[in-house]
Amino acid sequence: MAIKKESLINSNFNSMTISLASPESILERSRGEVLKPETINYRTYKPERDGLFCERIFGPIKDWECHCG
C-alpha cells in the first residue's frame, strides 16, 4: 500500500497585481475567428460550429474527443 506524503509549501508574498491584457497579447493568444452569431444548438445543447462557443476556437468540450467524432 502506497503512502502519500503531504508536503506543505509556505508562500509568503505582500502583493499581487492584476491588469488588462493589451490588444497585441490578445491577438498573440487567439487561434480562431467567430463567423456566426449563434452560441449553442437548442436541440443538442452543443456549441454551434463557427459560433461564439465553437470548439475549433476554444477547444473540445470533452477531453481528447473531437467535435466531429
Protein backbone atom coordinates (compact mmCIF):
# COMPACT_ATOMS: atom_id res chain seq x y z
CA MET A 1 0.00 0.00 0.00
CA ALA A 2 1.44 3.34 -1.05
CA ILE A 3 1.52 6.11 1.49
CA LYS A 4 1.11 9.63 0.19
CA LYS A 5 3.40 12.10 1.85
CA GLU A 6 1.84 15.52 2.28
CA SER A 7 4.07 18.49 1.70
CA LEU A 8 3.19 21.98 2.73
CA ILE A 9 4.57 24.93 0.83
CA ASN A 10 4.67 28.25 2.60
CA SER A 11 4.34 31.09 0.13
CA ASN A 12 4.54 34.49 1.69
CA PHE A 13 4.03 37.48 -0.55
CA ASN A 14 3.00 41.07 0.01
CA SER A 15 1.00 41.93 -3.10
CA MET A 16 -0.40 40.73 -6.39
CA THR A 17 -1.04 42.85 -9.48
CA ILE A 18 -3.79 42.13 -11.99
CA SER A 19 -4.07 44.13 -15.20
CA LEU A 20 -5.90 44.01 -18.51
CA ALA A 21 -4.25 42.30 -21.45
CA SER A 22 -3.06 44.51 -24.27
CA PRO A 23 -4.61 44.12 -27.75
CA GLU A 24 -1.30 42.73 -29.00
CA SER A 25 -1.18 39.98 -26.37
CA ILE A 26 -4.81 39.08 -27.08
CA LEU A 27 -4.02 38.67 -30.78
CA GLU A 28 -0.98 36.52 -29.93
CA ARG A 29 -3.14 34.14 -27.90
CA SER A 30 -6.05 33.92 -30.36
CA ARG A 31 -6.41 30.84 -32.55
CA GLY A 32 -9.68 31.25 -34.47
CA GLU A 33 -12.40 33.51 -35.76
CA VAL A 34 -16.09 33.73 -34.86
CA LEU A 35 -18.05 33.71 -38.13
CA LYS A 36 -21.65 33.25 -36.89
CA PRO A 37 -23.59 34.88 -34.04
CA GLU A 38 -25.06 31.56 -32.85
CA THR A 39 -23.98 30.18 -29.49
CA ILE A 40 -25.49 26.80 -28.56
CA ASN A 41 -27.82 24.49 -30.51
CA TYR A 42 -31.10 24.37 -28.60
CA ARG A 43 -31.75 20.73 -29.60
CA THR A 44 -28.38 19.17 -28.83
CA TYR A 45 -27.06 21.72 -26.30
CA LYS A 46 -23.72 21.66 -28.11
CA PRO A 47 -21.82 24.71 -29.41
CA GLU A 48 -22.57 25.78 -32.97
CA ARG A 49 -19.72 25.43 -35.43
CA ASP A 50 -18.08 28.81 -36.22
CA GLY A 51 -20.24 30.39 -33.49
CA LEU A 52 -19.34 32.19 -30.28
CA PHE A 53 -18.57 28.96 -28.40
CA CYS A 54 -17.08 26.99 -31.34
CA GLU A 55 -14.98 24.01 -30.28
CA ARG A 56 -12.44 24.70 -33.02
CA ILE A 57 -11.70 28.06 -31.39
CA PHE A 58 -11.99 27.27 -27.68
CA GLY A 59 -11.16 23.57 -27.64
CA PRO A 60 -13.31 20.47 -27.22
CA ILE A 61 -15.93 20.09 -24.50
CA LYS A 62 -14.79 16.56 -23.66
CA ASP A 63 -11.08 15.88 -23.20
CA TRP A 64 -9.38 14.04 -26.05
CA GLU A 65 -12.60 13.96 -28.11
CA CYS A 66 -13.08 15.97 -31.28
CA HIS A 67 -16.46 17.51 -32.13
CA CYS A 68 -16.54 15.54 -35.39
CA GLY A 69 -16.37 12.20 -33.60
